Amino acid sequence: MYVANDWRDYELIDTGNGERIERWGKYILRRPDPQVIWPFQQNPAAVKIDGYYHRSSSGGGQWEFFKELPEKWVVRYGSFSFYVRPTGFKHTGLFPEQAANWNWIISKIQARSYPVKVLNLFAYTGGATVAAAYAGAEVCHVDAAKSMVGWAKENAALSGVAERPVRYINDDVIKFVQREARRGRRYEGIIMDPPSFGRGPGGEVWKIETELFPLVQACTAILALQPLFFLINSYTTGLAPTVLKNILALTVGEKFGGIVSCDEIGLPVSASGIVLPCGASGRWEAG
């Protein structure tokens, strides 16, 4: 498993009964996690929480705060800083388990002496963008949500990479990749974190089960002649890591050779010592 175990400003304190208790900087939040089907290892009532996301039986939910929290605050990971804020969909704008992938991205880029261009698709609030820019890459950050692109710019500024060569694009990723192919643009590295379902700025519908393979296949046309890496991360329930490995093997691997690997991605739980699986990652890298 790819485990993000180098955090200081984030801690997964405990998990149980379909929930997780987490420390984000100096604030502690409790929110649902459907994969947690075991009991808490500590008495959750003994942990003084600052915010609790209550799931509604009719779908969705809302936060209950027990003290006044700032609208957003900063958490740090090594040299990086990110804004987190509780959103109406239980998320905070940051997936801390992705630090395991950030470390891998940085190692791939810094191992090369030549310039590296990286394309980050479904780029959200820009954790991977910050990592790639920090490592010295020229980055193209693409997301369909204008608000997420703005948040990513804030994170880049916080992390000291605002002046690095990063291009921010608010667009449908499929259309963007197709245009990049027509323009003849090429990238040494591609990162993507596709949702299970989504809509582009023009109402374009995305369904991972029908769109992911064609998108990855299309991306092979915009990889450099000597590509460096390709990363797919997914939070789609039931999508095994080997599915991502197979997709990469049948597309990028078939065209460029190299090495394909996959695994779950996770976070260590302080109370129990277990690791919480948080998603799946497939990695291709040059041999």
C-alpha atoms as a PDB file:
ATOM      1  CA  MET A   1       0.000   0.000   0.000  1.00  0.00           C
ATOM      2  CA  TYR A   2       1.123   3.564  -0.707  1.00  0.00           C
ATOM      3  CA  VAL A   3       0.924   5.139   2.762  1.00  0.00           C
ATOM      4  CA  ALA A   4       1.138   8.855   3.556  1.00  0.00           C
ATOM      5  CA  ASN A   5       2.931   8.691   6.887  1.00  0.00           C
ATOM      6  CA  ASP A   6       5.001  11.909   6.905  1.00  0.00           C
ATOM      7  CA  TRP A   7       2.329  14.379   8.017  1.00  0.00           C
ATOM      8  CA  ARG A   8       2.758  16.652  11.040  1.00  0.00           C
ATOM      9  CA  ASP A   9      -0.188  19.047  10.569  1.00  0.00           C
ATOM     10  CA  TYR A  10      -2.638  16.252   9.818  1.00  0.00           C
ATOM     11  CA  GLU A  11      -3.470  13.180  11.907  1.00  0.00           C
ATOM     12  CA  LEU A  12      -6.070  10.464  11.490  1.00  0.00           C
ATOM     13  CA  ILE A  13      -6.770  10.064  15.193  1.00  0.00           C
ATOM     14  CA  ASP A  14      -9.269   7.199  15.105  1.00  0.00           C
ATOM     15  CA  THR A  15     -11.788   5.448  12.894  1.00  0.00           C
ATOM     16  CA  GLY A  16     -14.942   3.509  13.724  1.00  0.00           C
ATOM     17  CA  ASN A  17     -18.645   2.996  13.102  1.00  0.00           C
ATOM     18  CA  GLY A  18     -18.538   4.530   9.636  1.00  0.00           C
ATOM     19  CA  GLU A  19     -16.662   7.644  10.715  1.00  0.00           C
ATOM     20  CA  ARG A  20     -13.191   9.118  11.026  1.00  0.00           C
ATOM     21  CA  ILE A  21     -11.823  11.622  13.552  1.00  0.00           C
ATOM     22  CA  GLU A  22      -9.054  13.818  12.155  1.00  0.00           C
ATOM     23  CA  ARG A  23      -6.829  16.648  13.266  1.00  0.00           C
ATOM     24  CA  TRP A  24      -6.344  19.351  10.654  1.00  0.00           C
ATOM     25  CA  GLY A  25      -3.744  21.671  12.134  1.00  0.00           C
ATOM     26  CA  LYS A  26      -5.211  22.665  15.505  1.00  0.00           C
ATOM     27  CA  TYR A  27      -8.817  21.749  14.662  1.00  0.00           C
ATOM     28  CA  ILE A  28     -10.399  18.312  15.048  1.00  0.00           C
ATOM     29  CA  LEU A  29     -13.179  17.222  12.702  1.00  0.00           C
ATOM     30  CA  ARG A  30     -15.393  14.135  12.687  1.00  0.00           C
ATOM     31  CA  ARG A  31     -16.986  13.024   9.423  1.00  0.00           C
ATOM     32  CA  PRO A  32     -18.400   9.943   7.672  1.00  0.00           C
ATOM     33  CA  ASP A  33     -16.360   7.274   5.922  1.00  0.00           C
ATOM     34  CA  PRO A  34     -18.412   4.336   4.590  1.00  0.00           C
ATOM     35  CA  GLN A  35     -15.399   2.008   4.450  1.00  0.00           C
ATOM     36  CA  VAL A  36     -14.953   2.086   8.216  1.00  0.00           C
ATOM     37  CA  ILE A  37     -16.999  -0.962   9.273  1.00  0.00           C
ATOM     38  CA  TRP A  38     -15.173  -1.631  12.550  1.00  0.00           C
ATOM     39  CA  PRO A  39     -15.653  -0.014  15.985  1.00  0.00           C
ATOM     40  CA  PHE A  40     -13.674   2.918  17.361  1.00  0.00           C
ATOM     41  CA  GLN A  41     -10.585   1.832  19.275  1.00  0.00           C
ATOM     42  CA  GLN A  42     -10.928   4.714  21.721  1.00  0.00           C
ATOM     43  CA  ASN A  43     -14.014   6.299  23.213  1.00  0.00           C
ATOM     44  CA  PRO A  44     -14.933   8.915  20.571  1.00  0.00           C
ATOM     45  CA  ALA A  45     -16.694  10.990  23.230  1.00  0.00           C
ATOM     46  CA  ALA A  46     -13.304  11.479  24.912  1.00  0.00           C
ATOM     47  CA  VAL A  47     -11.991  13.387  21.885  1.00  0.00           C
ATOM     48  CA  LYS A  48     -12.948  17.048  21.934  1.00  0.00           C
ATOM     49  CA  ILE A  49     -14.039  17.775  18.378  1.00  0.00           C
ATOM     50  CA  ASP A  50     -14.529  21.179  16.798  1.00  0.00           C
ATOM     51  CA  GLY A  51     -16.781  20.114  13.940  1.00  0.00           C
ATOM     52  CA  TYR A  52     -19.047  17.145  13.171  1.00  0.00           C
ATOM     53  CA  TYR A  53     -20.478  16.374   9.745  1.00  0.00           C
ATOM     54  CA  HIS A  54     -23.912  14.792  10.152  1.00  0.00           C
ATOM     55  CA  ARG A  55     -25.043  12.634   7.275  1.00  0.00           C
ATOM     56  CA  SER A  56     -28.692  13.106   6.294  1.00  0.00           C
ATOM     57  CA  SER A  57     -30.877  10.050   5.700  1.00  0.00           C
ATOM     58  CA  SER A  58     -32.134  11.729   2.532  1.00  0.00           C
ATOM     59  CA  GLY A  59     -28.621  12.293   1.193  1.00  0.00           C
ATOM     60  CA  GLY A  60     -25.979  14.927   1.777  1.00  0.00           C
ATOM     61  CA  GLY A  61     -25.624  16.411   5.230  1.00  0.00           C
ATOM     62  CA  GLN A  62     -24.298  19.394   7.116  1.00  0.00           C
ATOM     63  CA  TRP A  63     -21.603  20.481   9.547  1.00  0.00           C
ATOM     64  CA  GLU A  64     -22.220  21.198  13.213  1.00  0.00           C
ATOM     65  CA  PHE A  65     -19.503  23.355  14.773  1.00  0.00           C
ATOM     66  CA  PHE A  66     -18.875  23.464  18.523  1.00  0.00           C
ATOM     67  CA  LYS A  67     -16.711  26.563  18.404  1.00  0.00           C
ATOM     68  CA  GLU A  68     -16.190  29.345  15.915  1.00  0.00           C
ATOM     69  CA  LEU A  69     -13.838  28.109  13.229  1.00  0.00           C
ATOM     70  CA  PRO A  70     -12.202  30.310  10.606  1.00  0.00           C
ATOM     71  CA  GLU A  71     -13.623  29.997   7.113  1.00  0.00           C
ATOM     72  CA  LYS A  72     -10.311  28.441   6.073  1.00  0.00           C
ATOM     73  CA  TRP A  73      -6.977  27.723   7.700  1.00  0.00           C
ATOM     74  CA  VAL A  74      -3.547  26.482   6.694  1.00  0.00           C
ATOM     75  CA  VAL A  75      -2.006  23.027   7.103  1.00  0.00           C
ATOM     76  CA  ARG A  76       1.556  22.241   6.110  1.00  0.00           C
ATOM     77  CA  TYR A  77       3.236  19.222   4.591  1.00  0.00           C
ATOM     78  CA  GLY A  78       6.995  19.625   4.432  1.00  0.00           C
ATOM     79  CA  SER A  79       7.632  22.701   2.296  1.00  0.00           C
ATOM     80  CA  PHE A  80       3.998  22.886   1.155  1.00  0.00           C
ATOM     81  CA  SER A  81       1.064  24.793   2.636  1.00  0.00           C
ATOM     82  CA  PHE A  82      -2.607  24.318   1.804  1.00  0.00           C
ATOM     83  CA  TYR A  83      -5.862  25.974   2.721  1.00  0.00           C
ATOM     84  CA  VAL A  84      -8.476  23.627   4.169  1.00  0.00           C
ATOM     85  CA  ARG A  85     -12.109  24.515   4.712  1.00  0.00           C
ATOM     86  CA  PRO A  86     -15.072  22.280   5.599  1.00  0.00           C
ATOM     87  CA  THR A  87     -17.356  22.113   2.566  1.00  0.00           C
ATOM     88  CA  GLY A  88     -21.004  21.165   2.259  1.00  0.00           C
ATOM     89  CA  PHE A  89     -20.040  17.767   0.845  1.00  0.00           C
ATOM     90  CA  LYS A  90     -18.088  16.690   3.977  1.00  0.00           C
ATOM     91  CA  HIS A  91     -14.729  17.321   2.276  1.00  0.00           C
ATOM     92  CA  THR A  92     -12.066  19.831   3.330  1.00  0.00           C
ATOM     93  CA  GLY A  93     -10.445  20.542  -0.041  1.00  0.00           C
ATOM     94  CA  LEU A  94      -7.449  18.322   0.645  1.00  0.00           C
ATOM     95  CA  PHE A  95      -6.923  14.565   0.492  1.00  0.00           C
ATOM     96  CA  PRO A  96      -3.949  13.987   2.833  1.00  0.00           C
ATOM     97  CA  GLU A  97      -3.328  10.433   1.607  1.00  0.00           C
ATOM     98  CA  GLN A  98      -2.223  11.960  -1.703  1.00  0.00           C
ATOM     99  CA  ALA A  99       1.043  12.950  -0.035  1.00  0.00           C
ATOM    100  CA  ALA A 100       2.257   9.457  -0.919  1.00  0.00           C
ATOM    101  CA  ASN A 101       1.739  10.282  -4.586  1.00  0.00           C
ATOM    102  CA  TRP A 102       3.239  13.765  -4.217  1.00  0.00           C
ATOM    103  CA  ASN A 103       6.449  12.194  -2.916  1.00  0.00           C
ATOM    104  CA  TRP A 104       6.542   9.811  -5.881  1.00  0.00           C
ATOM    105  CA  ILE A 105       5.911  12.623  -8.391  1.00  0.00           C
ATOM    106  CA  ILE A 106       8.722  14.702  -6.894  1.00  0.00           C
ATOM    107  CA  SER A 107      11.151  11.766  -7.024  1.00  0.00           C
ATOM    108  CA  LYS A 108      10.363  11.110 -10.691  1.00  0.00           C
ATOM    109  CA  ILE A 109      10.834  14.743 -11.733  1.00  0.00           C
ATOM    110  CA  GLN A 110      13.973  15.397  -9.702  1.00  0.00           C
ATOM    111  CA  ALA A 111      15.630  12.264 -11.067  1.00  0.00           C
ATOM    112  CA  ARG A 112      15.799  13.930 -14.507  1.00  0.00           C
ATOM    113  CA  SER A 113      18.232  16.653 -15.527  1.00  0.00           C
ATOM    114  CA  TYR A 114      16.185  17.804 -18.523  1.00  0.00           C
ATOM    115  CA  PRO A 115      13.053  20.032 -18.411  1.00  0.00           C
ATOM    116  CA  VAL A 116       9.865  18.191 -17.535  1.00  0.00           C
ATOM    117  CA  LYS A 117       6.335  19.223 -18.514  1.00  0.00           C
ATOM    118  CA  VAL A 118       3.470  17.794 -16.446  1.00  0.00           C
ATOM    119  CA  LEU A 119      -0.258  17.768 -17.163  1.00  0.00           C
ATOM    120  CA  ASN A 120      -2.546  17.519 -14.120  1.00  0.00           C
ATOM    121  CA  LEU A 121      -6.137  16.586 -15.068  1.00  0.00           C
ATOM    122  CA  PHE A 122      -9.121  16.778 -12.683  1.00  0.00           C
ATOM    123  CA  ALA A 123      -6.570  18.755 -10.690  1.00  0.00           C
ATOM    124  CA  TYR A 124      -8.920  19.897  -7.864  1.00  0.00           C
ATOM    125  CA  THR A 125      -7.168  22.226  -5.384  1.00  0.00           C
ATOM    126  CA  GLY A 126      -3.733  21.525  -6.788  1.00  0.00           C
ATOM    127  CA  GLY A 127      -1.838  19.318  -4.347  1.00  0.00           C
ATOM    128  CA  ALA A 128      -0.112  17.444  -7.175  1.00  0.00           C
ATOM    129  CA  THR A 129       0.374  20.702  -9.081  1.00  0.00           C
ATOM    130  CA  VAL A 130       2.238  22.186  -6.122  1.00  0.00           C
ATOM    131  CA  ALA A 131       4.382  19.048  -5.810  1.00  0.00           C
ATOM    132  CA  ALA A 132       5.296  18.986  -9.512  1.00  0.00           C
ATOM    133  CA  ALA A 133       6.041  22.722  -9.618  1.00  0.00           C
ATOM    134  CA  TYR A 134       8.158  22.449  -6.469  1.00  0.00           C
ATOM    135  CA  ALA A 135      10.160  19.639  -8.090  1.00  0.00           C
ATOM    136  CA  GLY A 136      10.967  21.901 -11.044  1.00  0.00           C
ATOM    137  CA  ALA A 137       8.401  20.902 -13.650  1.00  0.00           C
ATOM    138  CA  GLU A 138       6.405  23.162 -15.924  1.00  0.00           C
ATOM    139  CA  VAL A 139       2.788  22.326 -15.064  1.00  0.00           C
ATOM    140  CA  CYS A 140      -0.573  22.584 -16.802  1.00  0.00           C
ATOM    141  CA  HIS A 141      -3.401  22.379 -14.249  1.00  0.00           C
ATOM    142  CA  VAL A 142      -6.874  21.539 -15.642  1.00  0.00           C
ATOM    143  CA  ASP A 143     -10.166  21.355 -13.756  1.00  0.00           C
ATOM    144  CA  ALA A 144     -13.795  21.845 -14.790  1.00  0.00           C
ATOM    145  CA  ALA A 145     -14.687  23.786 -11.611  1.00  0.00           C
ATOM    146  CA  LYS A 146     -13.651  27.439 -11.699  1.00  0.00           C
ATOM    147  CA  SER A 147     -13.743  27.663  -7.895  1.00  0.00           C
ATOM    148  CA  MET A 148     -11.267  24.773  -7.588  1.00  0.00           C
ATOM    149  CA  VAL A 149      -8.869  26.461 -10.008  1.00  0.00           C
ATOM    150  CA  GLY A 150      -8.972  29.557  -7.824  1.00  0.00           C
ATOM    151  CA  TRP A 151      -8.331  27.485  -4.704  1.00  0.00           C
ATOM    152  CA  ALA A 152      -5.372  25.813  -6.438  1.00  0.00           C
ATOM    153  CA  LYS A 153      -3.841  29.207  -7.179  1.00  0.00           C
ATOM    154  CA  GLU A 154      -4.153  30.115  -3.500  1.00  0.00           C
ATOM    155  CA  ASN A 155      -2.381  26.889  -2.528  1.00  0.00           C
ATOM    156  CA  ALA A 156       0.409  27.554  -5.014  1.00  0.00           C
ATOM    157  CA  ALA A 157       0.945  31.004  -3.522  1.00  0.00           C
ATOM    158  CA  LEU A 158       0.935  29.602   0.022  1.00  0.00           C
ATOM    159  CA  SER A 159       3.501  26.977  -0.976  1.00  0.00           C
ATOM    160  CA  GLY A 160       5.842  29.472  -2.596  1.00  0.00           C
ATOM    161  CA  VAL A 161       5.450  28.208  -6.170  1.00  0.00           C
ATOM    162  CA  ALA A 162       3.172  30.952  -7.536  1.00  0.00           C
ATOM    163  CA  GLU A 163       6.003  32.260  -9.713  1.00  0.00           C
ATOM    164  CA  ARG A 164       6.813  28.832 -11.145  1.00  0.00           C
ATOM    165  CA  PRO A 165       5.604  28.073 -14.700  1.00  0.00           C
ATOM    166  CA  VAL A 166       2.073  26.819 -13.988  1.00  0.00           C
ATOM    167  CA  ARG A 167      -0.773  27.264 -16.467  1.00  0.00           C
ATOM    168  CA  TYR A 168      -4.279  27.083 -14.957  1.00  0.00           C
ATOM    169  CA  ILE A 169      -7.110  25.959 -17.240  1.00  0.00           C
ATOM    170  CA  ASN A 170     -10.838  25.823 -16.447  1.00  0.00           C
ATOM    171  CA  ASP A 171     -12.094  23.313 -19.013  1.00  0.00           C
ATOM    172  CA  ASP A 172     -13.514  19.885 -19.721  1.00  0.00           C
ATOM    173  CA  VAL A 173     -10.518  17.533 -19.576  1.00  0.00           C
ATOM    174  CA  ILE A 174     -11.480  15.408 -22.589  1.00  0.00           C
ATOM    175  CA  LYS A 175     -11.888  18.415 -24.858  1.00  0.00           C
ATOM    176  CA  PHE A 176      -8.662  19.897 -23.531  1.00  0.00           C
ATOM    177  CA  VAL A 177      -6.659  16.729 -24.218  1.00  0.00           C
ATOM    178  CA  GLN A 178      -8.074  16.565 -27.747  1.00  0.00           C
ATOM    179  CA  ARG A 179      -7.063  20.173 -28.390  1.00  0.00           C
ATOM    180  CA  GLU A 180      -3.573  19.589 -27.001  1.00  0.00           C
ATOM    181  CA  ALA A 181      -3.166  16.674 -29.422  1.00  0.00           C
ATOM    182  CA  ARG A 182      -4.160  18.906 -32.353  1.00  0.00           C
ATOM    183  CA  ARG A 183      -1.712  21.575 -31.158  1.00  0.00           C
ATOM    184  CA  GLY A 184       1.091  19.017 -30.989  1.00  0.00           C
ATOM    185  CA  ARG A 185       1.838  19.695 -27.328  1.00  0.00           C
ATOM    186  CA  ARG A 186       3.610  16.970 -25.371  1.00  0.00           C
ATOM    187  CA  TYR A 187       4.127  16.158 -21.693  1.00  0.00           C
ATOM    188  CA  GLU A 188       6.695  14.027 -19.894  1.00  0.00           C
ATOM    189  CA  GLY A 189       4.263  13.340 -17.061  1.00  0.00           C
ATOM    190  CA  ILE A 190       0.486  13.085 -16.768  1.00  0.00           C
ATOM    191  CA  ILE A 191      -1.525  12.970 -13.531  1.00  0.00           C
ATOM    192  CA  MET A 192      -5.256  12.428 -13.255  1.00  0.00           C
ATOM    193  CA  ASP A 193      -7.725  11.964 -10.408  1.00  0.00           C
ATOM    194  CA  PRO A 194     -11.043  11.371 -12.183  1.00  0.00           C
ATOM    195  CA  PRO A 195     -14.365  11.419 -10.340  1.00  0.00           C
ATOM    196  CA  SER A 196     -16.900   8.611 -10.572  1.00  0.00           C
ATOM    197  CA  PHE A 197     -19.353  11.036 -12.146  1.00  0.00           C
ATOM    198  CA  GLY A 198     -19.104  14.678 -13.089  1.00  0.00           C
ATOM    199  CA  ARG A 199     -20.001  17.462 -15.475  1.00  0.00           C
ATOM    200  CA  GLY A 200     -17.760  19.798 -17.425  1.00  0.00           C
ATOM    201  CA  PRO A 201     -18.193  23.573 -17.668  1.00  0.00           C
ATOM    202  CA  GLY A 202     -20.428  23.109 -20.719  1.00  0.00           C
ATOM    203  CA  GLY A 203     -22.543  20.355 -19.163  1.00  0.00           C
ATOM    204  CA  GLU A 204     -20.391  17.530 -20.529  1.00  0.00           C
ATOM    205  CA  VAL A 205     -21.134  14.276 -18.693  1.00  0.00           C
ATOM    206  CA  TRP A 206     -18.307  12.175 -17.284  1.00  0.00           C
ATOM    207  CA  LYS A 207     -18.816   8.548 -16.215  1.00  0.00           C
ATOM    208  CA  ILE A 208     -15.646   6.777 -15.158  1.00  0.00           C
ATOM    209  CA  GLU A 209     -16.759   3.344 -16.358  1.00  0.00           C
ATOM    210  CA  THR A 210     -17.176   4.556 -19.951  1.00  0.00           C
ATOM    211  CA  GLU A 211     -14.823   7.537 -20.189  1.00  0.00           C
ATOM    212  CA  LEU A 212     -11.642   6.599 -18.331  1.00  0.00           C
ATOM    213  CA  PHE A 213     -10.113   4.147 -20.801  1.00  0.00           C
ATOM    214  CA  PRO A 214     -10.705   6.387 -23.865  1.00  0.00           C
ATOM    215  CA  LEU A 215      -9.252   9.361 -21.987  1.00  0.00           C
ATOM    216  CA  VAL A 216      -6.078   7.521 -21.001  1.00  0.00           C
ATOM    217  CA  GLN A 217      -5.787   6.220 -24.547  1.00  0.00           C
ATOM    218  CA  ALA A 218      -6.141   9.769 -25.886  1.00  0.00           C
ATOM    219  CA  CYS A 219      -3.462  10.933 -23.459  1.00  0.00           C
ATOM    220  CA  THR A 220      -0.889   8.623 -25.073  1.00  0.00           C
ATOM    221  CA  ALA A 221      -0.982  10.985 -28.071  1.00  0.00           C
ATOM    222  CA  ILE A 222       0.222  13.907 -25.951  1.00  0.00           C
ATOM    223  CA  LEU A 223       2.974  12.088 -24.087  1.00  0.00           C
ATOM    224  CA  ALA A 224       6.524  13.028 -25.022  1.00  0.00           C
ATOM    225  CA  LEU A 225       8.595  10.642 -27.117  1.00  0.00           C
ATOM    226  CA  GLN A 226      10.390   9.691 -23.892  1.00  0.00           C
ATOM    227  CA  PRO A 227       7.732  10.048 -21.201  1.00  0.00           C
ATOM    228  CA  LEU A 228       8.592   9.910 -17.532  1.00  0.00           C
ATOM    229  CA  PHE A 229       5.452   8.888 -15.626  1.00  0.00           C
ATOM    230  CA  PHE A 230       1.675   8.527 -15.708  1.00  0.00           C
ATOM    231  CA  LEU A 231      -0.416   8.463 -12.534  1.00  0.00           C
ATOM    232  CA  ILE A 232      -4.116   7.629 -12.192  1.00  0.00           C
ATOM    233  CA  ASN A 233      -5.776   7.947  -8.813  1.00  0.00           C
ATOM    234  CA  SER A 234      -9.375   6.961  -8.125  1.00  0.00           C
ATOM    235  CA  TYR A 235     -11.820   7.138  -5.232  1.00  0.00           C
ATOM    236  CA  THR A 236     -14.543   5.237  -7.071  1.00  0.00           C
ATOM    237  CA  THR A 237     -16.003   2.593  -4.755  1.00  0.00           C
ATOM    238  CA  GLY A 238     -15.342  -0.932  -5.971  1.00  0.00           C
ATOM    239  CA  LEU A 239     -12.694   0.071  -8.522  1.00  0.00           C
ATOM    240  CA  ALA A 240      -9.746  -2.181  -7.710  1.00  0.00           C
ATOM    241  CA  PRO A 241      -6.179  -0.910  -8.131  1.00  0.00           C
ATOM    242  CA  THR A 242      -5.577  -3.638 -10.721  1.00  0.00           C
ATOM    243  CA  VAL A 243      -8.203  -2.035 -12.961  1.00  0.00           C
ATOM    244  CA  LEU A 244      -6.034   1.077 -13.152  1.00  0.00           C
ATOM    245  CA  LYS A 245      -2.944  -1.060 -13.732  1.00  0.00           C
ATOM    246  CA  ASN A 246      -4.662  -2.875 -16.605  1.00  0.00           C
ATOM    247  CA  ILE A 247      -5.761   0.388 -18.214  1.00  0.00           C
ATOM    248  CA  LEU A 248      -2.217   1.770 -18.049  1.00  0.00           C
ATOM    249  CA  ALA A 249      -0.729  -1.499 -19.349  1.00  0.00           C
ATOM    250  CA  LEU A 250      -3.096  -1.577 -22.339  1.00  0.00           C
ATOM    251  CA  THR A 251      -2.459   2.058 -23.277  1.00  0.00           C
ATOM    252  CA  VAL A 252       0.737   3.705 -22.055  1.00  0.00           C
ATOM    253  CA  GLY A 253       2.570   0.430 -21.450  1.00  0.00           C
ATOM    254  CA  GLU A 254       1.662  -0.963 -24.849  1.00  0.00           C
ATOM    255  CA  LYS A 255       3.018   2.145 -26.588  1.00  0.00           C
ATOM    256  CA  PHE A 256       6.058   2.969 -24.442  1.00  0.00           C
ATOM    257  CA  GLY A 257       6.944  -0.172 -22.486  1.00  0.00           C
ATOM    258  CA  GLY A 258       8.065   0.771 -18.995  1.00  0.00           C
ATOM    259  CA  ILE A 259       6.852  -0.441 -15.624  1.00  0.00           C
ATOM    260  CA  VAL A 260       3.250  -0.487 -14.395  1.00  0.00           C
ATOM    261  CA  SER A 261       2.333  -0.872 -10.727  1.00  0.00           C
ATOM    262  CA  CYS A 262      -0.717  -0.337  -8.571  1.00  0.00           C
ATOM    263  CA  ASP A 263      -1.896  -0.408  -4.988  1.00  0.00           C
ATOM    264  CA  GLU A 264      -4.304   1.048  -2.509  1.00  0.00           C
ATOM    265  CA  ILE A 265      -3.453   4.435  -1.034  1.00  0.00           C
ATOM    266  CA  GLY A 266      -3.932   4.977   2.670  1.00  0.00           C
ATOM    267  CA  LEU A 267      -3.470   6.805   5.955  1.00  0.00           C
ATOM    268  CA  PRO A 268      -2.145   5.436   9.257  1.00  0.00           C
ATOM    269  CA  VAL A 269      -4.609   5.510  12.172  1.00  0.00           C
ATOM    270  CA  SER A 270      -3.016   6.694  15.416  1.00  0.00           C
ATOM    271  CA  ALA A 271      -5.383   4.927  17.821  1.00  0.00           C
ATOM    272  CA  SER A 272      -5.015   1.444  16.363  1.00  0.00           C
ATOM    273  CA  GLY A 273      -1.895   1.334  14.189  1.00  0.00           C
ATOM    274  CA  ILE A 274      -3.929   0.088  11.230  1.00  0.00           C
ATOM    275  CA  VAL A 275      -3.985   1.794   7.832  1.00  0.00           C
ATOM    276  CA  LEU A 276      -7.226   3.190   6.416  1.00  0.00           C
ATOM    277  CA  PRO A 277      -7.564   2.491   2.671  1.00  0.00           C
ATOM    278  CA  CYS A 278      -8.615   5.694   0.941  1.00  0.00           C
ATOM    279  CA  GLY A 279      -8.543   4.897  -2.763  1.00  0.00           C
ATOM    280  CA  ALA A 280      -6.537   3.286  -5.528  1.00  0.00           C
ATOM    281  CA  SER A 281      -3.547   4.446  -7.538  1.00  0.00           C
ATOM    282  CA  GLY A 282      -2.072   3.122 -10.767  1.00  0.00           C
ATOM    283  CA  ARG A 283       1.432   4.192 -11.744  1.00  0.00           C
ATOM    284  CA  TRP A 284       3.348   3.915 -15.004  1.00  0.00           C
ATOM    285  CA  GLU A 285       7.002   4.881 -15.140  1.00  0.00           C
ATOM    286  CA  ALA A 286       9.734   4.691 -17.725  1.00  0.00           C
ATOM    287  CA  GLY A 287      11.856   1.575 -17.469  1.00  0.00           C
END
